[in-house]
Amino acid sequence: MEVNSAIAKRFALSVCMALLAACAGTSRIDTSGMSFSKDPLIGKVVWNDLITDDIAAARRFYGGMFGWTFEDTKGAGGGDYVLARSGSTYVAGLVPAKPREGQEISRWLPYVSVADVDAAVAKAYSAGGVIVASARDVGIGRVAAVLDAEGALIGLARSSIGDPDDATTAPAKGRVVATELLSNDPAAAVNFYNSVVGYQGRTIERRGGQYTILSAHGVDRAGILRNPTGSWSPVWLTSIGVADAAAAAQRAESLGGKTLLPASPALRENTMAIVADPSGAILVLQQIKN
């Protein structure tokens, strides 16, 4: 099922490093501040890795932005892996990756819970996706990574310790509050992810155009935004909660980041801004009430 293509090679090194780094067992970390679902929460984004070519800058940026604290760990393969915590909850992993000339390595990699990783990989391939990292066992279960039919990178996971439940991942400032696909063809994306994950899509009208909600087993789990510009490649966007989107974007710039789309009435009534961290990884700053 491995695909030898230029686009797969572009991501293979960084993604494989992320998967190898994630091999560390849970015995080394304190998850007492979190709770896990007994049954798989299919379709839920259960983890996020930041693959970055500047781990020191990432620590400064995300610590300054969101108050995250960091714990240095090692994967079973010996690779460095940094766990990021917001309060008592682990929110992300930071994976160092060496850049290659002319390539943008840094990016957020969300992992979505699936019933069977191997089956999901096979379905992704059949639906026109590219296998970047084949299914493999890690310390907390089994994972893989694929590019969808438009080239957006997504991780697939089946946890052996249970998925973080919805109470643990409830929206809060400094935590991941949403995961959305920026797509050139939302209808085709729905078909792809219906096959791979089992998502059902429904379209609603929002200010600025149509928006597609992805749900699984009756629970809304992700969304699809139509790409607002032809210059951006399709990508899964990780949204982190903030008190004020415009102020947070200014803070991002003061910490070495860059504003890509500032908060405006067209972006959810000034509650959303899109920025890049110092190494170029794109993230969304989403204003929330609590």
C-alpha atoms as a PDB file:
ATOM      1  CA  MET A   1       0.000   0.000   0.000  1.00  0.00           C
ATOM      2  CA  GLU A   2       3.024   2.318   0.066  1.00  0.00           C
ATOM      3  CA  VAL A   3       2.985   4.882  -2.728  1.00  0.00           C
ATOM      4  CA  ASN A   4       6.236   6.083  -4.274  1.00  0.00           C
ATOM      5  CA  SER A   5       5.364   9.636  -5.280  1.00  0.00           C
ATOM      6  CA  ALA A   6       6.997  13.033  -5.008  1.00  0.00           C
ATOM      7  CA  ILE A   7       4.296  14.396  -2.741  1.00  0.00           C
ATOM      8  CA  ALA A   8       4.633  11.478  -0.326  1.00  0.00           C
ATOM      9  CA  LYS A   9       8.394  11.874  -0.158  1.00  0.00           C
ATOM     10  CA  ARG A  10       7.929  15.540   0.695  1.00  0.00           C
ATOM     11  CA  PHE A  11       6.299  14.638   4.008  1.00  0.00           C
ATOM     12  CA  ALA A  12       7.656  11.149   4.750  1.00  0.00           C
ATOM     13  CA  LEU A  13      10.651  12.139   6.865  1.00  0.00           C
ATOM     14  CA  SER A  14       8.850  14.520   9.202  1.00  0.00           C
ATOM     15  CA  VAL A  15       5.773  12.336   9.662  1.00  0.00           C
ATOM     16  CA  CYS A  16       7.723   9.152  10.303  1.00  0.00           C
ATOM     17  CA  MET A  17       9.735  11.011  12.928  1.00  0.00           C
ATOM     18  CA  ALA A  18       6.490  12.042  14.609  1.00  0.00           C
ATOM     19  CA  LEU A  19       5.181   8.502  14.693  1.00  0.00           C
ATOM     20  CA  LEU A  20       8.442   7.095  16.035  1.00  0.00           C
ATOM     21  CA  ALA A  21       8.633   9.789  18.686  1.00  0.00           C
ATOM     22  CA  ALA A  22       5.103   8.931  19.835  1.00  0.00           C
ATOM     23  CA  CYS A  23       6.218   5.451  20.854  1.00  0.00           C
ATOM     24  CA  ALA A  24       6.838   6.529  24.447  1.00  0.00           C
ATOM     25  CA  GLY A  25       4.622   4.671  26.930  1.00  0.00           C
ATOM     26  CA  THR A  26       2.094   6.356  29.209  1.00  0.00           C
ATOM     27  CA  SER A  27       3.954   5.143  32.305  1.00  0.00           C
ATOM     28  CA  ARG A  28       6.286   8.137  31.931  1.00  0.00           C
ATOM     29  CA  ILE A  29       3.590  10.795  32.013  1.00  0.00           C
ATOM     30  CA  ASP A  30       0.953  11.880  34.490  1.00  0.00           C
ATOM     31  CA  THR A  31      -2.528  11.588  32.974  1.00  0.00           C
ATOM     32  CA  SER A  32      -4.317  11.852  36.307  1.00  0.00           C
ATOM     33  CA  GLY A  33      -5.804  15.190  35.271  1.00  0.00           C
ATOM     34  CA  MET A  34      -7.447  13.613  32.232  1.00  0.00           C
ATOM     35  CA  SER A  35     -10.209  11.076  31.686  1.00  0.00           C
ATOM     36  CA  PHE A  36     -10.611   8.591  28.865  1.00  0.00           C
ATOM     37  CA  SER A  37     -13.563   7.016  27.128  1.00  0.00           C
ATOM     38  CA  LYS A  38     -14.083   3.300  27.534  1.00  0.00           C
ATOM     39  CA  ASP A  39     -15.386   3.062  23.979  1.00  0.00           C
ATOM     40  CA  PRO A  40     -13.635   4.564  20.925  1.00  0.00           C
ATOM     41  CA  LEU A  41     -14.850   8.042  19.991  1.00  0.00           C
ATOM     42  CA  ILE A  42     -14.756   7.458  16.253  1.00  0.00           C
ATOM     43  CA  GLY A  43     -14.188  10.632  14.253  1.00  0.00           C
ATOM     44  CA  LYS A  44     -12.862  12.653  17.161  1.00  0.00           C
ATOM     45  CA  VAL A  45      -9.487  14.332  16.847  1.00  0.00           C
ATOM     46  CA  VAL A  46      -7.776  12.772  19.849  1.00  0.00           C
ATOM     47  CA  TRP A  47      -4.255  14.198  19.574  1.00  0.00           C
ATOM     48  CA  ASN A  48      -2.188  16.821  17.775  1.00  0.00           C
ATOM     49  CA  ASP A  49       1.507  16.832  16.962  1.00  0.00           C
ATOM     50  CA  LEU A  50       3.424  19.934  15.940  1.00  0.00           C
ATOM     51  CA  ILE A  51       6.204  18.960  13.551  1.00  0.00           C
ATOM     52  CA  THR A  52       8.687  21.812  13.668  1.00  0.00           C
ATOM     53  CA  ASP A  53      12.146  22.642  12.388  1.00  0.00           C
ATOM     54  CA  ASP A  54      12.795  24.922  15.404  1.00  0.00           C
ATOM     55  CA  ILE A  55      11.787  23.262  18.655  1.00  0.00           C
ATOM     56  CA  ALA A  56      13.252  26.037  20.835  1.00  0.00           C
ATOM     57  CA  ALA A  57      11.292  28.731  19.001  1.00  0.00           C
ATOM     58  CA  ALA A  58       8.138  26.603  19.223  1.00  0.00           C
ATOM     59  CA  ARG A  59       8.489  26.288  22.988  1.00  0.00           C
ATOM     60  CA  ARG A  60       8.918  30.042  23.371  1.00  0.00           C
ATOM     61  CA  PHE A  61       6.035  30.819  21.031  1.00  0.00           C
ATOM     62  CA  TYR A  62       3.424  28.411  22.398  1.00  0.00           C
ATOM     63  CA  GLY A  63       4.487  28.967  25.986  1.00  0.00           C
ATOM     64  CA  GLY A  64       4.146  32.715  25.495  1.00  0.00           C
ATOM     65  CA  MET A  65       0.901  32.447  23.565  1.00  0.00           C
ATOM     66  CA  PHE A  66      -1.003  29.951  25.686  1.00  0.00           C
ATOM     67  CA  GLY A  67       0.934  29.407  28.898  1.00  0.00           C
ATOM     68  CA  TRP A  68       1.807  25.855  27.938  1.00  0.00           C
ATOM     69  CA  THR A  69       4.416  24.011  29.961  1.00  0.00           C
ATOM     70  CA  PHE A  70       6.672  21.389  28.420  1.00  0.00           C
ATOM     71  CA  GLU A  71       8.102  18.003  29.351  1.00  0.00           C
ATOM     72  CA  ASP A  72      11.031  16.498  27.475  1.00  0.00           C
ATOM     73  CA  THR A  73      10.609  12.811  26.691  1.00  0.00           C
ATOM     74  CA  LYS A  74      12.108  10.213  24.396  1.00  0.00           C
ATOM     75  CA  GLY A  75      10.339   7.875  22.020  1.00  0.00           C
ATOM     76  CA  ALA A  76      11.080   4.173  21.926  1.00  0.00           C
ATOM     77  CA  GLY A  77      13.201   4.837  18.848  1.00  0.00           C
ATOM     78  CA  GLY A  78      15.308   7.347  20.774  1.00  0.00           C
ATOM     79  CA  GLY A  79      13.903  10.455  19.085  1.00  0.00           C
ATOM     80  CA  ASP A  80      13.194  13.637  21.037  1.00  0.00           C
ATOM     81  CA  TYR A  81       9.545  14.307  21.814  1.00  0.00           C
ATOM     82  CA  VAL A  82       8.216  17.238  23.836  1.00  0.00           C
ATOM     83  CA  LEU A  83       4.840  16.983  25.554  1.00  0.00           C
ATOM     84  CA  ALA A  84       2.891  20.233  25.918  1.00  0.00           C
ATOM     85  CA  ARG A  85       0.510  20.657  28.820  1.00  0.00           C
ATOM     86  CA  SER A  86      -2.220  23.209  29.482  1.00  0.00           C
ATOM     87  CA  GLY A  87      -2.888  23.036  33.194  1.00  0.00           C
ATOM     88  CA  SER A  88      -3.360  19.365  34.036  1.00  0.00           C
ATOM     89  CA  THR A  89      -4.187  18.325  30.460  1.00  0.00           C
ATOM     90  CA  TYR A  90      -1.741  17.256  27.786  1.00  0.00           C
ATOM     91  CA  VAL A  91      -2.671  19.116  24.619  1.00  0.00           C
ATOM     92  CA  ALA A  92       0.008  18.354  22.017  1.00  0.00           C
ATOM     93  CA  GLY A  93       3.355  16.865  21.175  1.00  0.00           C
ATOM     94  CA  LEU A  94       6.257  18.778  19.636  1.00  0.00           C
ATOM     95  CA  VAL A  95       8.431  16.844  17.212  1.00  0.00           C
ATOM     96  CA  PRO A  96      11.747  18.233  15.902  1.00  0.00           C
ATOM     97  CA  ALA A  97      12.323  17.694  12.186  1.00  0.00           C
ATOM     98  CA  LYS A  98      15.227  18.740  10.004  1.00  0.00           C
ATOM     99  CA  PRO A  99      14.206  20.987   7.097  1.00  0.00           C
ATOM    100  CA  ARG A 100      15.142  20.162   3.542  1.00  0.00           C
ATOM    101  CA  GLU A 101      16.061  22.813   1.034  1.00  0.00           C
ATOM    102  CA  GLY A 102      13.032  24.338  -0.619  1.00  0.00           C
ATOM    103  CA  GLN A 103      10.539  22.442   1.564  1.00  0.00           C
ATOM    104  CA  GLU A 104       8.252  23.623   4.336  1.00  0.00           C
ATOM    105  CA  ILE A 105       8.394  20.983   7.051  1.00  0.00           C
ATOM    106  CA  SER A 106       6.671  22.672   9.993  1.00  0.00           C
ATOM    107  CA  ARG A 107       2.980  21.880  10.336  1.00  0.00           C
ATOM    108  CA  TRP A 108       0.303  20.681  12.739  1.00  0.00           C
ATOM    109  CA  LEU A 109      -0.679  17.033  12.401  1.00  0.00           C
ATOM    110  CA  PRO A 110      -4.061  16.069  13.917  1.00  0.00           C
ATOM    111  CA  TYR A 111      -4.884  12.426  14.631  1.00  0.00           C
ATOM    112  CA  VAL A 112      -8.469  11.261  14.213  1.00  0.00           C
ATOM    113  CA  SER A 113      -9.829   8.201  16.011  1.00  0.00           C
ATOM    114  CA  VAL A 114     -10.788   5.339  13.690  1.00  0.00           C
ATOM    115  CA  ALA A 115     -12.092   1.867  14.411  1.00  0.00           C
ATOM    116  CA  ASP A 116      -9.294   0.098  12.529  1.00  0.00           C
ATOM    117  CA  VAL A 117      -6.146   1.929  11.423  1.00  0.00           C
ATOM    118  CA  ASP A 118      -5.114  -0.650   8.820  1.00  0.00           C
ATOM    119  CA  ALA A 119      -8.557  -0.673   7.244  1.00  0.00           C
ATOM    120  CA  ALA A 120      -8.683   3.137   7.221  1.00  0.00           C
ATOM    121  CA  VAL A 121      -5.283   3.293   5.488  1.00  0.00           C
ATOM    122  CA  ALA A 122      -6.477   0.875   2.808  1.00  0.00           C
ATOM    123  CA  LYS A 123      -9.636   2.920   2.276  1.00  0.00           C
ATOM    124  CA  ALA A 124      -7.623   6.134   2.006  1.00  0.00           C
ATOM    125  CA  TYR A 125      -5.462   4.577  -0.690  1.00  0.00           C
ATOM    126  CA  SER A 126      -8.511   3.314  -2.593  1.00  0.00           C
ATOM    127  CA  ALA A 127     -10.091   6.784  -2.391  1.00  0.00           C
ATOM    128  CA  GLY A 128      -7.085   8.498  -3.982  1.00  0.00           C
ATOM    129  CA  GLY A 129      -5.012   9.275  -0.900  1.00  0.00           C
ATOM    130  CA  VAL A 130      -1.270   8.768  -0.434  1.00  0.00           C
ATOM    131  CA  ILE A 131       0.208   6.739   2.409  1.00  0.00           C
ATOM    132  CA  VAL A 132       2.904   8.784   4.125  1.00  0.00           C
ATOM    133  CA  ALA A 133       3.482   6.580   7.178  1.00  0.00           C
ATOM    134  CA  SER A 134       2.051   3.076   7.161  1.00  0.00           C
ATOM    135  CA  ALA A 135       0.173   1.655  10.151  1.00  0.00           C
ATOM    136  CA  ARG A 136       2.433   0.853  13.091  1.00  0.00           C
ATOM    137  CA  ASP A 137       2.159   0.100  16.784  1.00  0.00           C
ATOM    138  CA  VAL A 138       3.262   2.790  19.243  1.00  0.00           C
ATOM    139  CA  GLY A 139       3.180   3.005  23.021  1.00  0.00           C
ATOM    140  CA  ILE A 140      -0.456   4.090  23.164  1.00  0.00           C
ATOM    141  CA  GLY A 141      -1.946   2.097  20.308  1.00  0.00           C
ATOM    142  CA  ARG A 142      -1.662   2.037  16.524  1.00  0.00           C
ATOM    143  CA  VAL A 143      -1.219   5.014  14.191  1.00  0.00           C
ATOM    144  CA  ALA A 144      -0.655   5.962  10.556  1.00  0.00           C
ATOM    145  CA  ALA A 145      -0.591   9.118   8.449  1.00  0.00           C
ATOM    146  CA  VAL A 146      -1.963   9.784   4.974  1.00  0.00           C
ATOM    147  CA  LEU A 147      -2.436  12.609   2.539  1.00  0.00           C
ATOM    148  CA  ASP A 148      -6.035  12.927   1.426  1.00  0.00           C
ATOM    149  CA  ALA A 149      -6.999  13.248  -2.233  1.00  0.00           C
ATOM    150  CA  GLU A 150      -6.224  17.001  -2.142  1.00  0.00           C
ATOM    151  CA  GLY A 151      -2.897  16.591  -0.346  1.00  0.00           C
ATOM    152  CA  ALA A 152      -3.931  17.516   3.214  1.00  0.00           C
ATOM    153  CA  LEU A 153      -2.058  15.583   5.905  1.00  0.00           C
ATOM    154  CA  ILE A 154      -4.056  13.657   8.524  1.00  0.00           C
ATOM    155  CA  GLY A 155      -3.134  11.116  11.172  1.00  0.00           C
ATOM    156  CA  LEU A 156      -5.210   8.027  11.962  1.00  0.00           C
ATOM    157  CA  ALA A 157      -5.196   6.518  15.454  1.00  0.00           C
ATOM    158  CA  ARG A 158      -6.618   3.675  17.521  1.00  0.00           C
ATOM    159  CA  SER A 159      -5.720   4.176  21.171  1.00  0.00           C
ATOM    160  CA  SER A 160      -5.010   1.299  23.542  1.00  0.00           C
ATOM    161  CA  ILE A 161      -5.754   3.433  26.630  1.00  0.00           C
ATOM    162  CA  GLY A 162      -9.023   4.949  25.424  1.00  0.00           C
ATOM    163  CA  ASP A 163      -9.684   8.251  23.688  1.00  0.00           C
ATOM    164  CA  PRO A 164      -9.584  11.474  25.738  1.00  0.00           C
ATOM    165  CA  ASP A 165     -13.240  12.012  26.573  1.00  0.00           C
ATOM    166  CA  ASP A 166     -15.257  15.098  25.731  1.00  0.00           C
ATOM    167  CA  ALA A 167     -14.975  16.437  29.296  1.00  0.00           C
ATOM    168  CA  THR A 168     -11.179  16.348  29.113  1.00  0.00           C
ATOM    169  CA  THR A 169     -11.140  18.129  25.770  1.00  0.00           C
ATOM    170  CA  ALA A 170     -13.941  20.631  26.449  1.00  0.00           C
ATOM    171  CA  PRO A 171     -13.193  24.015  24.804  1.00  0.00           C
ATOM    172  CA  ALA A 172     -10.970  26.215  26.942  1.00  0.00           C
ATOM    173  CA  LYS A 173      -8.417  28.947  26.411  1.00  0.00           C
ATOM    174  CA  GLY A 174      -5.058  27.499  25.496  1.00  0.00           C
ATOM    175  CA  ARG A 175      -6.493  24.191  24.316  1.00  0.00           C
ATOM    176  CA  VAL A 176      -7.472  22.817  20.930  1.00  0.00           C
ATOM    177  CA  VAL A 177     -11.095  23.794  20.367  1.00  0.00           C
ATOM    178  CA  ALA A 178     -11.672  22.750  16.748  1.00  0.00           C
ATOM    179  CA  THR A 179     -10.114  20.986  13.783  1.00  0.00           C
ATOM    180  CA  GLU A 180     -11.141  22.044  10.287  1.00  0.00           C
ATOM    181  CA  LEU A 181     -10.106  21.126   6.777  1.00  0.00           C
ATOM    182  CA  LEU A 182      -9.306  23.933   4.375  1.00  0.00           C
ATOM    183  CA  SER A 183     -10.453  22.371   1.099  1.00  0.00           C
ATOM    184  CA  ASN A 184     -10.721  23.337  -2.546  1.00  0.00           C
ATOM    185  CA  ASP A 185     -13.563  20.840  -3.022  1.00  0.00           C
ATOM    186  CA  PRO A 186     -15.606  20.286   0.162  1.00  0.00           C
ATOM    187  CA  ALA A 187     -18.018  17.842  -1.511  1.00  0.00           C
ATOM    188  CA  ALA A 188     -15.174  15.588  -2.658  1.00  0.00           C
ATOM    189  CA  ALA A 189     -13.574  15.876   0.783  1.00  0.00           C
ATOM    190  CA  VAL A 190     -16.779  14.671   2.434  1.00  0.00           C
ATOM    191  CA  ASN A 191     -16.772  11.601   0.202  1.00  0.00           C
ATOM    192  CA  PHE A 192     -13.119  10.864   1.018  1.00  0.00           C
ATOM    193  CA  TYR A 193     -13.531  11.137   4.774  1.00  0.00           C
ATOM    194  CA  ASN A 194     -16.821   9.284   4.745  1.00  0.00           C
ATOM    195  CA  SER A 195     -14.933   6.355   3.256  1.00  0.00           C
ATOM    196  CA  VAL A 196     -11.887   6.598   5.536  1.00  0.00           C
ATOM    197  CA  VAL A 197     -13.347   7.699   8.875  1.00  0.00           C
ATOM    198  CA  GLY A 198     -17.086   7.223   8.487  1.00  0.00           C
ATOM    199  CA  TYR A 199     -17.898  10.936   8.688  1.00  0.00           C
ATOM    200  CA  GLN A 200     -21.283  12.218   7.639  1.00  0.00           C
ATOM    201  CA  GLY A 201     -21.314  15.738   6.182  1.00  0.00           C
ATOM    202  CA  ARG A 202     -23.987  18.403   6.304  1.00  0.00           C
ATOM    203  CA  THR A 203     -23.760  21.905   4.898  1.00  0.00           C
ATOM    204  CA  ILE A 204     -24.958  25.035   6.656  1.00  0.00           C
ATOM    205  CA  GLU A 205     -24.937  28.707   5.680  1.00  0.00           C
ATOM    206  CA  ARG A 206     -22.560  30.967   7.537  1.00  0.00           C
ATOM    207  CA  ARG A 207     -21.493  34.527   7.024  1.00  0.00           C
ATOM    208  CA  GLY A 208     -18.943  34.314   4.245  1.00  0.00           C
ATOM    209  CA  GLY A 209     -20.450  31.235   2.592  1.00  0.00           C
ATOM    210  CA  GLN A 210     -21.241  27.607   3.126  1.00  0.00           C
ATOM    211  CA  TYR A 211     -19.669  25.505   5.858  1.00  0.00           C
ATOM    212  CA  THR A 212     -19.606  21.724   6.111  1.00  0.00           C
ATOM    213  CA  ILE A 213     -19.885  19.959   9.468  1.00  0.00           C
ATOM    214  CA  LEU A 214     -18.433  16.458   9.813  1.00  0.00           C
ATOM    215  CA  SER A 215     -20.116  14.205  12.339  1.00  0.00           C
ATOM    216  CA  ALA A 216     -19.715  10.617  13.464  1.00  0.00           C
ATOM    217  CA  HIS A 217     -22.296   8.605  15.409  1.00  0.00           C
ATOM    218  CA  GLY A 218     -24.432  11.724  15.757  1.00  0.00           C
ATOM    219  CA  VAL A 219     -21.671  13.920  17.257  1.00  0.00           C
ATOM    220  CA  ASP A 220     -20.116  16.876  15.418  1.00  0.00           C
ATOM    221  CA  ARG A 221     -16.359  16.245  15.300  1.00  0.00           C
ATOM    222  CA  ALA A 222     -14.768  18.463  12.617  1.00  0.00           C
ATOM    223  CA  GLY A 223     -15.546  20.885   9.822  1.00  0.00           C
ATOM    224  CA  ILE A 224     -14.625  21.864   6.282  1.00  0.00           C
ATOM    225  CA  LEU A 225     -13.919  25.409   5.130  1.00  0.00           C
ATOM    226  CA  ARG A 226     -13.758  26.255   1.446  1.00  0.00           C
ATOM    227  CA  ASN A 227     -10.305  27.566   0.617  1.00  0.00           C
ATOM    228  CA  PRO A 228     -10.573  31.388   0.473  1.00  0.00           C
ATOM    229  CA  THR A 229      -7.450  31.793  -1.656  1.00  0.00           C
ATOM    230  CA  GLY A 230      -5.848  29.920  -4.500  1.00  0.00           C
ATOM    231  CA  SER A 231      -2.405  30.415  -2.972  1.00  0.00           C
ATOM    232  CA  TRP A 232      -2.956  28.102   0.014  1.00  0.00           C
ATOM    233  CA  SER A 233      -2.687  24.350  -0.249  1.00  0.00           C
ATOM    234  CA  PRO A 234      -5.432  22.236   1.354  1.00  0.00           C
ATOM    235  CA  VAL A 235      -4.560  21.669   5.007  1.00  0.00           C
ATOM    236  CA  TRP A 236      -6.097  20.561   8.282  1.00  0.00           C
ATOM    237  CA  LEU A 237      -6.238  23.595  10.584  1.00  0.00           C
ATOM    238  CA  THR A 238      -5.827  23.272  14.339  1.00  0.00           C
ATOM    239  CA  SER A 239      -7.742  25.940  16.306  1.00  0.00           C
ATOM    240  CA  ILE A 240      -6.650  26.988  19.787  1.00  0.00           C
ATOM    241  CA  GLY A 241      -8.899  28.917  22.145  1.00  0.00           C
ATOM    242  CA  VAL A 242      -8.109  32.543  23.027  1.00  0.00           C
ATOM    243  CA  ALA A 243      -9.873  35.380  24.844  1.00  0.00           C
ATOM    244  CA  ASP A 244      -9.597  37.825  21.922  1.00  0.00           C
ATOM    245  CA  ALA A 245      -8.594  36.806  18.394  1.00  0.00           C
ATOM    246  CA  ALA A 246      -7.234  40.193  17.319  1.00  0.00           C
ATOM    247  CA  ALA A 247      -5.191  40.658  20.485  1.00  0.00           C
ATOM    248  CA  ALA A 248      -3.900  37.086  20.240  1.00  0.00           C
ATOM    249  CA  ALA A 249      -2.754  37.673  16.655  1.00  0.00           C
ATOM    250  CA  GLN A 250      -0.817  40.728  17.800  1.00  0.00           C
ATOM    251  CA  ARG A 251       0.768  38.663  20.557  1.00  0.00           C
ATOM    252  CA  ALA A 252       1.687  35.989  18.002  1.00  0.00           C
ATOM    253  CA  GLU A 253       3.558  38.590  15.969  1.00  0.00           C
ATOM    254  CA  SER A 254       5.392  39.858  19.060  1.00  0.00           C
ATOM    255  CA  LEU A 255       6.553  36.267  19.656  1.00  0.00           C
ATOM    256  CA  GLY A 256       7.935  35.833  16.153  1.00  0.00           C
ATOM    257  CA  GLY A 257       4.812  34.618  14.352  1.00  0.00           C
ATOM    258  CA  LYS A 258       3.021  36.103  11.358  1.00  0.00           C
ATOM    259  CA  THR A 259      -0.614  37.029  10.786  1.00  0.00           C
ATOM    260  CA  LEU A 260      -1.963  35.392   7.633  1.00  0.00           C
ATOM    261  CA  LEU A 261      -5.599  36.440   7.960  1.00  0.00           C
ATOM    262  CA  PRO A 262      -6.402  39.020  10.659  1.00  0.00           C
ATOM    263  CA  ALA A 263      -9.607  38.978  12.651  1.00  0.00           C
ATOM    264  CA  SER A 264     -12.373  40.650  10.639  1.00  0.00           C
ATOM    265  CA  PRO A 265     -16.177  40.692  10.387  1.00  0.00           C
ATOM    266  CA  ALA A 266     -15.895  38.120   7.584  1.00  0.00           C
ATOM    267  CA  LEU A 267     -14.031  35.685   9.833  1.00  0.00           C
ATOM    268  CA  ARG A 268     -16.773  34.668  12.240  1.00  0.00           C
ATOM    269  CA  GLU A 269     -17.524  38.203  13.322  1.00  0.00           C
ATOM    270  CA  ASN A 270     -13.977  39.035  14.436  1.00  0.00           C
ATOM    271  CA  THR A 271     -13.625  35.857  16.533  1.00  0.00           C
ATOM    272  CA  MET A 272     -11.053  34.091  14.346  1.00  0.00           C
ATOM    273  CA  ALA A 273      -7.561  34.864  13.077  1.00  0.00           C
ATOM    274  CA  ILE A 274      -5.144  32.654  11.162  1.00  0.00           C
ATOM    275  CA  VAL A 275      -1.450  32.936  11.973  1.00  0.00           C
ATOM    276  CA  ALA A 276       1.800  31.096  11.395  1.00  0.00           C
ATOM    277  CA  ASP A 277       4.201  30.290  14.205  1.00  0.00           C
ATOM    278  CA  PRO A 278       7.908  31.224  13.869  1.00  0.00           C
ATOM    279  CA  SER A 279       8.703  28.091  11.852  1.00  0.00           C
ATOM    280  CA  GLY A 280       5.715  28.506   9.515  1.00  0.00           C
ATOM    281  CA  ALA A 281       3.177  26.082  10.994  1.00  0.00           C
ATOM    282  CA  ILE A 282      -0.345  27.446  10.453  1.00  0.00           C
ATOM    283  CA  LEU A 283      -2.830  27.614  13.301  1.00  0.00           C
ATOM    284  CA  VAL A 284      -6.161  29.269  14.005  1.00  0.00           C
ATOM    285  CA  LEU A 285      -6.765  31.531  16.987  1.00  0.00           C
ATOM    286  CA  GLN A 286     -10.418  31.024  17.896  1.00  0.00           C
ATOM    287  CA  GLN A 287     -12.074  33.343  20.403  1.00  0.00           C
ATOM    288  CA  ILE A 288     -14.170  31.532  22.993  1.00  0.00           C
ATOM    289  CA  LYS A 289     -16.267  32.773  25.889  1.00  0.00           C
ATOM    290  CA  ASN A 290     -15.083  30.695  28.840  1.00  0.00           C
END
